[in-house]
Amino acid sequence: MKLTQQGFTLIELITVIVLLGILSAFAVSRFPSSQSYSTTVIKNQLIASARLAQQTAMSRASVSSSGQTQLQVTGDSDNWYLNITSGPVSYSAQVDRGGEQVRYGTNMLASCSALTASATASASTPLVLTFNGDGNRVPAIALRICVGTPSSTADIELCISPSGYAYEGTCLP
């Protein structure tokens, strides 16, 4: 009677372990860093807050005498604060800063680093967006917002159009 051995040889096992090690080293580099995650969170919160402010302005147009709603973005060393006010009604959101910077301006051709920094440790200029009762931005010009780290060359761009619509991407002329 002949005995047959079942299983893998030592060389086969070592080969599989080496291949798994190489594949895992390649796969780990594909995971996004926490820095890109915080940039995305801030971007999403800015877009959501701008859209909420626009919708609040339109819904309160018949209630409020001025019919205007403001979104104010401020920050400290740890957090971004997004406050929406419309008469006596207010909403607030807080987002972890994560080392990100918010820059804004109406110059559509300048690089993001040339735009005004909002509420950084060295500057206390808040970003204020005002919407009228029709949901349009006041003043009726496009606003470009860049979110990223101060040393980043790949900032995420947002646009608040004159009609008040907030979206990711460059502002259309």
N, C-alpha and C. Protein backbone atom coordinates (compact mmCIF):
# COMPACT_ATOMS: atom_id res chain seq x y z
N MET A 1 0.83 -1.16 0.00
CA MET A 1 0.00 0.00 0.00
C MET A 1 0.89 1.25 0.00
N LYS A 2 0.54 2.17 -0.88
CA LYS A 2 1.35 3.38 -1.03
C LYS A 2 0.69 4.53 -0.29
N LEU A 3 1.48 5.21 0.54
CA LEU A 3 0.96 6.37 1.28
C LEU A 3 1.19 7.63 0.45
N THR A 4 0.15 8.44 0.29
CA THR A 4 0.32 9.71 -0.42
C THR A 4 0.23 10.83 0.59
N GLN A 5 1.11 11.75 0.42
CA GLN A 5 1.11 12.89 1.33
C GLN A 5 0.24 14.00 0.75
N GLN A 6 -0.49 14.63 1.63
CA GLN A 6 -1.32 15.74 1.21
C GLN A 6 -0.80 17.01 1.88
N GLY A 7 -0.92 18.12 1.17
CA GLY A 7 -0.49 19.39 1.73
C GLY A 7 0.45 20.10 0.76
N PHE A 8 1.01 21.21 1.25
CA PHE A 8 1.89 22.02 0.43
C PHE A 8 3.32 21.85 0.89
N THR A 9 4.23 22.00 -0.03
CA THR A 9 5.65 21.94 0.33
C THR A 9 6.05 23.24 0.97
N LEU A 10 7.17 23.26 1.63
CA LEU A 10 7.68 24.45 2.29
C LEU A 10 7.96 25.56 1.27
N ILE A 11 8.45 25.22 0.13
CA ILE A 11 8.74 26.22 -0.92
C ILE A 11 7.44 26.88 -1.40
N GLU A 12 6.39 26.10 -1.58
CA GLU A 12 5.11 26.67 -2.01
C GLU A 12 4.56 27.64 -0.96
N LEU A 13 4.66 27.27 0.31
CA LEU A 13 4.17 28.15 1.38
C LEU A 13 4.97 29.45 1.45
N ILE A 14 6.26 29.38 1.34
CA ILE A 14 7.09 30.59 1.37
C ILE A 14 6.80 31.47 0.17
N THR A 15 6.59 30.87 -1.00
CA THR A 15 6.27 31.65 -2.20
C THR A 15 4.95 32.42 -2.03
N VAL A 16 3.97 31.76 -1.48
CA VAL A 16 2.67 32.42 -1.26
C VAL A 16 2.81 33.56 -0.25
N ILE A 17 3.55 33.36 0.82
CA ILE A 17 3.74 34.41 1.83
C ILE A 17 4.47 35.61 1.23
N VAL A 18 5.49 35.38 0.43
CA VAL A 18 6.21 36.48 -0.22
C VAL A 18 5.30 37.24 -1.17
N LEU A 19 4.52 36.54 -1.96
CA LEU A 19 3.59 37.20 -2.88
C LEU A 19 2.54 38.02 -2.13
N LEU A 20 2.02 37.50 -1.04
CA LEU A 20 1.05 38.25 -0.24
C LEU A 20 1.68 39.50 0.37
N GLY A 21 2.93 39.39 0.78
CA GLY A 21 3.64 40.56 1.31
C GLY A 21 3.81 41.65 0.27
N ILE A 22 4.16 41.27 -0.93
CA ILE A 22 4.33 42.24 -2.02
C ILE A 22 2.99 42.89 -2.37
N LEU A 23 1.93 42.10 -2.47
CA LEU A 23 0.61 42.64 -2.78
C LEU A 23 0.09 43.56 -1.68
N SER A 24 0.32 43.20 -0.44
CA SER A 24 -0.16 44.06 0.66
C SER A 24 0.60 45.37 0.72
N ALA A 25 1.89 45.37 0.41
CA ALA A 25 2.66 46.62 0.39
C ALA A 25 2.14 47.54 -0.71
N PHE A 26 1.76 46.98 -1.83
CA PHE A 26 1.20 47.78 -2.92
C PHE A 26 -0.19 48.30 -2.57
N ALA A 27 -1.01 47.47 -1.93
CA ALA A 27 -2.38 47.85 -1.60
C ALA A 27 -2.44 48.94 -0.54
N VAL A 28 -1.54 48.93 0.44
CA VAL A 28 -1.54 49.92 1.50
C VAL A 28 -1.29 51.31 0.93
N SER A 29 -0.48 51.42 -0.08
CA SER A 29 -0.20 52.73 -0.66
C SER A 29 -1.41 53.29 -1.41
N ARG A 30 -2.38 52.46 -1.70
CA ARG A 30 -3.59 52.90 -2.41
C ARG A 30 -4.64 53.49 -1.48
N PHE A 31 -4.52 53.27 -0.18
CA PHE A 31 -5.49 53.82 0.75
C PHE A 31 -5.27 55.31 0.90
N PRO A 32 -6.36 56.10 0.96
CA PRO A 32 -6.20 57.55 1.09
C PRO A 32 -5.70 57.91 2.49
N SER A 33 -4.98 59.01 2.56
CA SER A 33 -4.50 59.47 3.86
C SER A 33 -5.64 60.14 4.61
N SER A 34 -5.47 60.31 5.91
CA SER A 34 -6.50 60.97 6.70
C SER A 34 -6.61 62.44 6.31
N GLN A 35 -5.55 63.00 5.74
CA GLN A 35 -5.59 64.40 5.30
C GLN A 35 -6.58 64.58 4.17
N SER A 36 -6.58 63.68 3.19
CA SER A 36 -7.53 63.80 2.09
C SER A 36 -8.95 63.54 2.58
N TYR A 37 -9.08 62.74 3.62
CA TYR A 37 -10.40 62.48 4.19
C TYR A 37 -10.96 63.74 4.83
N SER A 38 -10.14 64.46 5.61
CA SER A 38 -10.65 65.67 6.27
C SER A 38 -10.97 66.76 5.25
N THR A 39 -10.22 66.82 4.14
CA THR A 39 -10.53 67.79 3.09
C THR A 39 -11.90 67.49 2.49
N THR A 40 -12.19 66.22 2.27
CA THR A 40 -13.48 65.82 1.71
C THR A 40 -14.62 66.11 2.68
N VAL A 41 -14.40 65.88 3.96
CA VAL A 41 -15.44 66.16 4.96
C VAL A 41 -15.75 67.65 5.00
N ILE A 42 -14.73 68.49 5.00
CA ILE A 42 -14.95 69.93 5.03
C ILE A 42 -15.66 70.39 3.76
N LYS A 43 -15.24 69.86 2.62
CA LYS A 43 -15.88 70.21 1.34
C LYS A 43 -17.36 69.84 1.37
N ASN A 44 -17.67 68.63 1.80
CA ASN A 44 -19.06 68.18 1.84
C ASN A 44 -19.89 69.02 2.80
N GLN A 45 -19.32 69.38 3.95
CA GLN A 45 -20.05 70.18 4.92
C GLN A 45 -20.29 71.60 4.40
N LEU A 46 -19.31 72.17 3.70
CA LEU A 46 -19.50 73.50 3.11
C LEU A 46 -20.61 73.50 2.06
N ILE A 47 -20.60 72.50 1.19
CA ILE A 47 -21.64 72.41 0.16
C ILE A 47 -23.02 72.22 0.82
N ALA A 48 -23.12 71.32 1.78
CA ALA A 48 -24.39 71.06 2.45
C ALA A 48 -24.90 72.30 3.18
N SER A 49 -24.00 73.02 3.85
CA SER A 49 -24.40 74.22 4.59
C SER A 49 -24.85 75.32 3.64
N ALA A 50 -24.15 75.49 2.52
CA ALA A 50 -24.56 76.52 1.55
C ALA A 50 -25.92 76.19 0.95
N ARG A 51 -26.16 74.92 0.64
CA ARG A 51 -27.46 74.53 0.10
C ARG A 51 -28.57 74.69 1.14
N LEU A 52 -28.27 74.37 2.41
CA LEU A 52 -29.25 74.56 3.47
C LEU A 52 -29.56 76.04 3.66
N ALA A 53 -28.54 76.89 3.61
CA ALA A 53 -28.76 78.33 3.75
C ALA A 53 -29.64 78.85 2.61
N GLN A 54 -29.38 78.38 1.39
CA GLN A 54 -30.19 78.81 0.25
C GLN A 54 -31.64 78.36 0.42
N GLN A 55 -31.84 77.12 0.83
CA GLN A 55 -33.20 76.61 1.01
C GLN A 55 -33.91 77.32 2.16
N THR A 56 -33.17 77.64 3.22
CA THR A 56 -33.75 78.37 4.35
C THR A 56 -34.19 79.76 3.91
N ALA A 57 -33.36 80.42 3.10
CA ALA A 57 -33.71 81.76 2.61
C ALA A 57 -34.99 81.70 1.78
N MET A 58 -35.12 80.70 0.93
CA MET A 58 -36.32 80.60 0.10
C MET A 58 -37.55 80.24 0.92
N SER A 59 -37.41 79.40 1.93
CA SER A 59 -38.56 78.99 2.73
C SER A 59 -39.00 80.07 3.69
N ARG A 60 -38.09 80.95 4.10
CA ARG A 60 -38.43 81.99 5.06
C ARG A 60 -38.69 83.33 4.38
N ALA A 61 -38.72 83.39 3.06
CA ALA A 61 -38.88 84.66 2.34
C ALA A 61 -40.18 85.35 2.70
N SER A 62 -41.25 84.60 2.88
CA SER A 62 -42.53 85.22 3.20
C SER A 62 -42.66 85.51 4.69
N VAL A 63 -41.79 84.90 5.52
CA VAL A 63 -41.87 85.07 6.97
C VAL A 63 -41.01 86.24 7.44
N SER A 64 -39.79 86.31 6.93
CA SER A 64 -38.83 87.32 7.37
C SER A 64 -39.02 88.61 6.58
N SER A 65 -38.84 89.74 7.25
CA SER A 65 -39.01 91.02 6.57
C SER A 65 -37.90 91.26 5.56
N SER A 66 -36.67 90.91 5.91
CA SER A 66 -35.57 91.12 4.95
C SER A 66 -35.47 89.96 3.98
N GLY A 67 -35.88 88.77 4.41
CA GLY A 67 -35.82 87.61 3.54
C GLY A 67 -34.42 87.13 3.26
N GLN A 68 -33.42 87.62 4.02
CA GLN A 68 -32.05 87.22 3.77
C GLN A 68 -31.56 86.24 4.82
N THR A 69 -30.75 85.31 4.36
CA THR A 69 -30.16 84.30 5.23
C THR A 69 -28.66 84.35 5.04
N GLN A 70 -27.92 84.20 6.14
CA GLN A 70 -26.46 84.24 6.06
C GLN A 70 -25.85 82.93 6.52
N LEU A 71 -24.79 82.54 5.81
CA LEU A 71 -23.93 81.43 6.22
C LEU A 71 -22.59 82.04 6.56
N GLN A 72 -22.15 81.85 7.80
CA GLN A 72 -20.86 82.39 8.22
C GLN A 72 -19.94 81.23 8.58
N VAL A 73 -18.75 81.22 7.95
CA VAL A 73 -17.76 80.19 8.20
C VAL A 73 -16.61 80.82 8.97
N THR A 74 -16.39 80.33 10.19
CA THR A 74 -15.28 80.80 11.02
C THR A 74 -14.52 79.58 11.50
N GLY A 75 -13.40 79.81 12.14
CA GLY A 75 -12.62 78.68 12.62
C GLY A 75 -11.67 79.08 13.71
N ASP A 76 -11.19 78.09 14.43
CA ASP A 76 -10.11 78.27 15.38
C ASP A 76 -9.05 77.22 15.06
N SER A 77 -8.14 76.99 15.96
CA SER A 77 -7.05 76.06 15.66
C SER A 77 -7.51 74.61 15.56
N ASP A 78 -8.71 74.29 16.09
CA ASP A 78 -9.17 72.90 16.10
C ASP A 78 -10.36 72.60 15.19
N ASN A 79 -11.25 73.57 14.98
CA ASN A 79 -12.51 73.30 14.30
C ASN A 79 -12.91 74.40 13.33
N TRP A 80 -13.78 74.02 12.39
CA TRP A 80 -14.49 74.98 11.54
C TRP A 80 -15.90 75.07 12.08
N TYR A 81 -16.46 76.28 12.11
CA TYR A 81 -17.82 76.51 12.57
C TYR A 81 -18.62 77.09 11.41
N LEU A 82 -19.74 76.47 11.09
CA LEU A 82 -20.61 76.93 10.02
C LEU A 82 -21.95 77.31 10.65
N ASN A 83 -22.28 78.59 10.63
CA ASN A 83 -23.49 79.09 11.27
C ASN A 83 -24.41 79.69 10.23
N ILE A 84 -25.66 79.23 10.22
CA ILE A 84 -26.67 79.76 9.31
C ILE A 84 -27.68 80.52 10.16
N THR A 85 -27.93 81.79 9.81
CA THR A 85 -28.91 82.59 10.54
C THR A 85 -29.90 83.19 9.56
N SER A 86 -31.17 83.15 9.96
CA SER A 86 -32.25 83.73 9.18
C SER A 86 -33.26 84.27 10.17
N GLY A 87 -33.12 85.57 10.49
CA GLY A 87 -33.99 86.14 11.52
C GLY A 87 -33.70 85.47 12.85
N PRO A 88 -34.72 85.01 13.55
CA PRO A 88 -34.50 84.37 14.85
C PRO A 88 -34.05 82.91 14.74
N VAL A 89 -34.08 82.36 13.55
CA VAL A 89 -33.74 80.95 13.36
C VAL A 89 -32.25 80.82 13.06
N SER A 90 -31.60 79.84 13.70
CA SER A 90 -30.18 79.62 13.40
C SER A 90 -29.87 78.12 13.47
N TYR A 91 -28.91 77.72 12.66
CA TYR A 91 -28.40 76.35 12.61
C TYR A 91 -26.89 76.43 12.72
N SER A 92 -26.29 75.44 13.36
CA SER A 92 -24.84 75.43 13.51
C SER A 92 -24.29 74.05 13.21
N ALA A 93 -23.09 74.05 12.67
CA ALA A 93 -22.36 72.79 12.45
C ALA A 93 -20.91 73.02 12.82
N GLN A 94 -20.27 71.98 13.29
CA GLN A 94 -18.87 72.05 13.67
C GLN A 94 -18.14 70.90 13.00
N VAL A 95 -17.00 71.21 12.37
CA VAL A 95 -16.23 70.21 11.65
C VAL A 95 -14.78 70.28 12.13
N ASP A 96 -14.16 69.11 12.33
CA ASP A 96 -12.76 69.06 12.73
C ASP A 96 -11.90 69.72 11.66
N ARG A 97 -11.01 70.60 12.06
CA ARG A 97 -10.20 71.38 11.12
C ARG A 97 -9.22 70.50 10.35
N GLY A 98 -8.53 69.61 11.01
CA GLY A 98 -7.63 68.69 10.33
C GLY A 98 -6.49 69.35 9.58
N GLY A 99 -6.08 70.56 9.94
CA GLY A 99 -4.98 71.24 9.25
C GLY A 99 -5.37 71.86 7.92
N GLU A 100 -6.67 71.87 7.61
CA GLU A 100 -7.13 72.40 6.33
C GLU A 100 -7.31 73.91 6.39
N GLN A 101 -7.25 74.51 5.23
CA GLN A 101 -7.45 75.94 5.08
C GLN A 101 -8.56 76.17 4.07
N VAL A 102 -9.41 77.16 4.33
CA VAL A 102 -10.46 77.54 3.39
C VAL A 102 -10.09 78.90 2.83
N ARG A 103 -9.98 78.98 1.51
CA ARG A 103 -9.67 80.24 0.83
C ARG A 103 -10.81 80.56 -0.11
N TYR A 104 -11.09 81.85 -0.30
CA TYR A 104 -12.22 82.22 -1.14
C TYR A 104 -11.95 83.55 -1.84
N GLY A 105 -12.70 83.78 -2.91
CA GLY A 105 -12.60 85.02 -3.65
C GLY A 105 -13.43 84.96 -4.92
N THR A 106 -13.51 86.11 -5.60
CA THR A 106 -14.28 86.19 -6.84
C THR A 106 -13.39 86.11 -8.07
N ASN A 107 -12.06 86.05 -7.89
CA ASN A 107 -11.14 85.94 -9.01
C ASN A 107 -11.13 84.49 -9.48
N MET A 108 -11.65 84.24 -10.66
CA MET A 108 -11.77 82.87 -11.17
C MET A 108 -10.49 82.38 -11.83
N LEU A 109 -9.54 83.28 -12.10
CA LEU A 109 -8.33 82.89 -12.80
C LEU A 109 -7.13 82.70 -11.88
N ALA A 110 -7.18 83.26 -10.69
CA ALA A 110 -6.04 83.18 -9.77
C ALA A 110 -5.91 81.76 -9.22
N SER A 111 -4.70 81.43 -8.78
CA SER A 111 -4.52 80.13 -8.14
C SER A 111 -5.18 80.18 -6.76
N CYS A 112 -5.45 79.02 -6.21
CA CYS A 112 -6.11 78.97 -4.90
C CYS A 112 -5.27 79.65 -3.82
N SER A 113 -3.96 79.55 -3.90
CA SER A 113 -3.10 80.15 -2.88
C SER A 113 -3.15 81.67 -2.90
N ALA A 114 -3.62 82.27 -3.99
CA ALA A 114 -3.71 83.73 -4.09
C ALA A 114 -5.02 84.27 -3.52
N LEU A 115 -5.96 83.39 -3.16
CA LEU A 115 -7.24 83.83 -2.65
C LEU A 115 -7.15 84.15 -1.16
N THR A 116 -8.15 84.83 -0.62
CA THR A 116 -8.19 85.24 0.78
C THR A 116 -8.39 84.02 1.68
N ALA A 117 -7.57 83.93 2.73
CA ALA A 117 -7.73 82.83 3.69
C ALA A 117 -8.82 83.18 4.68
N SER A 118 -9.67 82.20 4.99
CA SER A 118 -10.78 82.42 5.91
C SER A 118 -10.47 81.87 7.28
N ALA A 119 -10.52 82.74 8.26
CA ALA A 119 -10.46 82.35 9.66
C ALA A 119 -9.34 81.38 9.98
N THR A 120 -8.15 81.70 9.54
CA THR A 120 -7.01 80.88 9.90
C THR A 120 -6.45 81.40 11.21
N ALA A 121 -5.42 80.77 11.71
CA ALA A 121 -4.82 81.20 12.97
C ALA A 121 -4.27 82.62 12.86
N SER A 122 -3.82 83.01 11.67
CA SER A 122 -3.23 84.34 11.51
C SER A 122 -4.23 85.37 11.01
N ALA A 123 -5.34 84.95 10.47
CA ALA A 123 -6.34 85.90 9.95
C ALA A 123 -7.71 85.56 10.50
N SER A 124 -8.48 86.56 10.83
CA SER A 124 -9.80 86.31 11.40
C SER A 124 -10.89 86.83 10.47
N THR A 125 -10.70 86.69 9.18
CA THR A 125 -11.69 87.11 8.21
C THR A 125 -12.67 85.97 7.97
N PRO A 126 -13.90 86.09 8.48
CA PRO A 126 -14.85 85.00 8.24
C PRO A 126 -15.38 85.04 6.81
N LEU A 127 -15.77 83.90 6.32
CA LEU A 127 -16.43 83.81 5.02
C LEU A 127 -17.92 83.95 5.28
N VAL A 128 -18.56 84.96 4.70
CA VAL A 128 -19.98 85.20 4.91
C VAL A 128 -20.69 85.13 3.55
N LEU A 129 -21.67 84.25 3.46
CA LEU A 129 -22.50 84.13 2.26
C LEU A 129 -23.90 84.59 2.62
N THR A 130 -24.46 85.46 1.79
CA THR A 130 -25.81 85.97 2.02
C THR A 130 -26.70 85.56 0.85
N PHE A 131 -27.89 85.06 1.19
CA PHE A 131 -28.87 84.63 0.19
C PHE A 131 -30.15 85.42 0.39
N ASN A 132 -30.77 85.87 -0.72
CA ASN A 132 -32.04 86.59 -0.62
C ASN A 132 -33.20 85.61 -0.63
N GLY A 133 -34.41 86.13 -0.59
CA GLY A 133 -35.61 85.28 -0.52
C GLY A 133 -35.83 84.39 -1.73
N ASP A 134 -35.19 84.72 -2.86
CA ASP A 134 -35.29 83.87 -4.05
C ASP A 134 -34.19 82.81 -4.08
N GLY A 135 -33.31 82.80 -3.07
CA GLY A 135 -32.22 81.85 -3.00
C GLY A 135 -30.99 82.29 -3.75
N ASN A 136 -30.99 83.50 -4.30
CA ASN A 136 -29.83 84.01 -5.04
C ASN A 136 -28.79 84.56 -4.07
N ARG A 137 -27.53 84.48 -4.47
CA ARG A 137 -26.45 85.01 -3.66
C ARG A 137 -26.44 86.53 -3.74
N VAL A 138 -26.18 87.19 -2.61
CA VAL A 138 -26.07 88.64 -2.56
C VAL A 138 -24.65 88.97 -2.12
N PRO A 139 -23.86 89.67 -2.94
CA PRO A 139 -24.13 90.19 -4.28
C PRO A 139 -24.17 89.05 -5.30
N ALA A 140 -24.81 89.30 -6.42
CA ALA A 140 -25.06 88.27 -7.44
C ALA A 140 -23.84 88.02 -8.31
N ILE A 141 -22.76 87.55 -7.69
CA ILE A 141 -21.55 87.16 -8.42
C ILE A 141 -21.10 85.81 -7.90
N ALA A 142 -20.39 85.08 -8.74
CA ALA A 142 -19.92 83.75 -8.34
C ALA A 142 -18.81 83.89 -7.29
N LEU A 143 -18.79 82.96 -6.37
CA LEU A 143 -17.75 82.92 -5.34
C LEU A 143 -17.01 81.60 -5.45
N ARG A 144 -15.71 81.68 -5.51
CA ARG A 144 -14.85 80.49 -5.62
C ARG A 144 -14.27 80.19 -4.25
N ILE A 145 -14.37 78.94 -3.82
CA ILE A 145 -13.86 78.50 -2.52
C ILE A 145 -12.90 77.34 -2.75
N CYS A 146 -11.73 77.41 -2.14
CA CYS A 146 -10.74 76.33 -2.23
C CYS A 146 -10.50 75.75 -0.85
N VAL A 147 -10.50 74.43 -0.74
CA VAL A 147 -10.26 73.74 0.52
C VAL A 147 -9.02 72.87 0.34
N GLY A 148 -8.07 73.01 1.25
CA GLY A 148 -6.85 72.20 1.19
C GLY A 148 -5.87 72.64 2.25
N THR A 149 -4.74 71.97 2.30
CA THR A 149 -3.70 72.36 3.25
C THR A 149 -2.93 73.54 2.67
N PRO A 150 -2.27 74.33 3.53
CA PRO A 150 -1.53 75.47 3.02
C PRO A 150 -0.45 75.09 2.00
N SER A 151 0.13 73.92 2.11
CA SER A 151 1.19 73.50 1.19
C SER A 151 0.68 72.66 0.03
N SER A 152 -0.61 72.44 -0.03
CA SER A 152 -1.19 71.56 -1.05
C SER A 152 -1.26 72.23 -2.41
N THR A 153 -0.98 71.46 -3.43
CA THR A 153 -1.14 71.96 -4.80
C THR A 153 -2.42 71.40 -5.42
N ALA A 154 -3.07 70.48 -4.72
CA ALA A 154 -4.29 69.85 -5.25
C ALA A 154 -5.47 70.22 -4.36
N ASP A 155 -5.80 71.50 -4.31
CA ASP A 155 -6.95 71.95 -3.53
C ASP A 155 -8.25 71.51 -4.19
N ILE A 156 -9.28 71.33 -3.39
CA ILE A 156 -10.61 71.03 -3.91
C ILE A 156 -11.32 72.36 -4.10
N GLU A 157 -11.85 72.59 -5.29
CA GLU A 157 -12.53 73.84 -5.59
C GLU A 157 -14.04 73.67 -5.49
N LEU A 158 -14.68 74.68 -4.89
CA LEU A 158 -16.13 74.75 -4.81
C LEU A 158 -16.56 76.06 -5.46
N CYS A 159 -17.79 76.12 -5.90
CA CYS A 159 -18.33 77.34 -6.48
C CYS A 159 -19.72 77.59 -5.93
N ILE A 160 -19.96 78.83 -5.55
CA ILE A 160 -21.31 79.27 -5.21
C ILE A 160 -21.72 80.20 -6.35
N SER A 161 -22.64 79.75 -7.18
CA SER A 161 -23.02 80.52 -8.36
C SER A 161 -23.87 81.73 -7.97
N PRO A 162 -24.03 82.70 -8.88
CA PRO A 162 -24.89 83.85 -8.57
C PRO A 162 -26.32 83.44 -8.22
N SER A 163 -26.77 82.31 -8.75
CA SER A 163 -28.12 81.83 -8.43
C SER A 163 -28.17 81.16 -7.05
N GLY A 164 -27.01 81.05 -6.38
CA GLY A 164 -26.94 80.50 -5.04
C GLY A 164 -26.64 79.02 -4.98
N TYR A 165 -26.52 78.37 -6.13
CA TYR A 165 -26.28 76.92 -6.14
C TYR A 165 -24.82 76.64 -5.80
N ALA A 166 -24.58 75.70 -4.88
CA ALA A 166 -23.23 75.32 -4.47
C ALA A 166 -22.87 73.99 -5.10
N TYR A 167 -21.67 73.91 -5.69
CA TYR A 167 -21.23 72.66 -6.30
C TYR A 167 -19.71 72.57 -6.28
N GLU A 168 -19.20 71.32 -6.42
CA GLU A 168 -17.77 71.10 -6.48
C GLU A 168 -17.32 71.30 -7.92
N GLY A 169 -16.22 72.01 -8.08
CA GLY A 169 -15.67 72.26 -9.41
C GLY A 169 -15.39 73.72 -9.60
N THR A 170 -14.84 74.05 -10.75
CA THR A 170 -14.53 75.45 -11.03
C THR A 170 -15.81 76.18 -11.43
N CYS A 171 -15.82 77.47 -11.13
CA CYS A 171 -17.00 78.29 -11.44
C CYS A 171 -17.08 78.52 -12.95
N LEU A 172 -18.25 78.37 -13.48
CA LEU A 172 -18.46 78.61 -14.90
C LEU A 172 -18.69 80.11 -15.11
N PRO A 173 -18.17 80.65 -16.23
CA PRO A 173 -18.34 82.09 -16.47
C PRO A 173 -19.78 82.46 -16.79
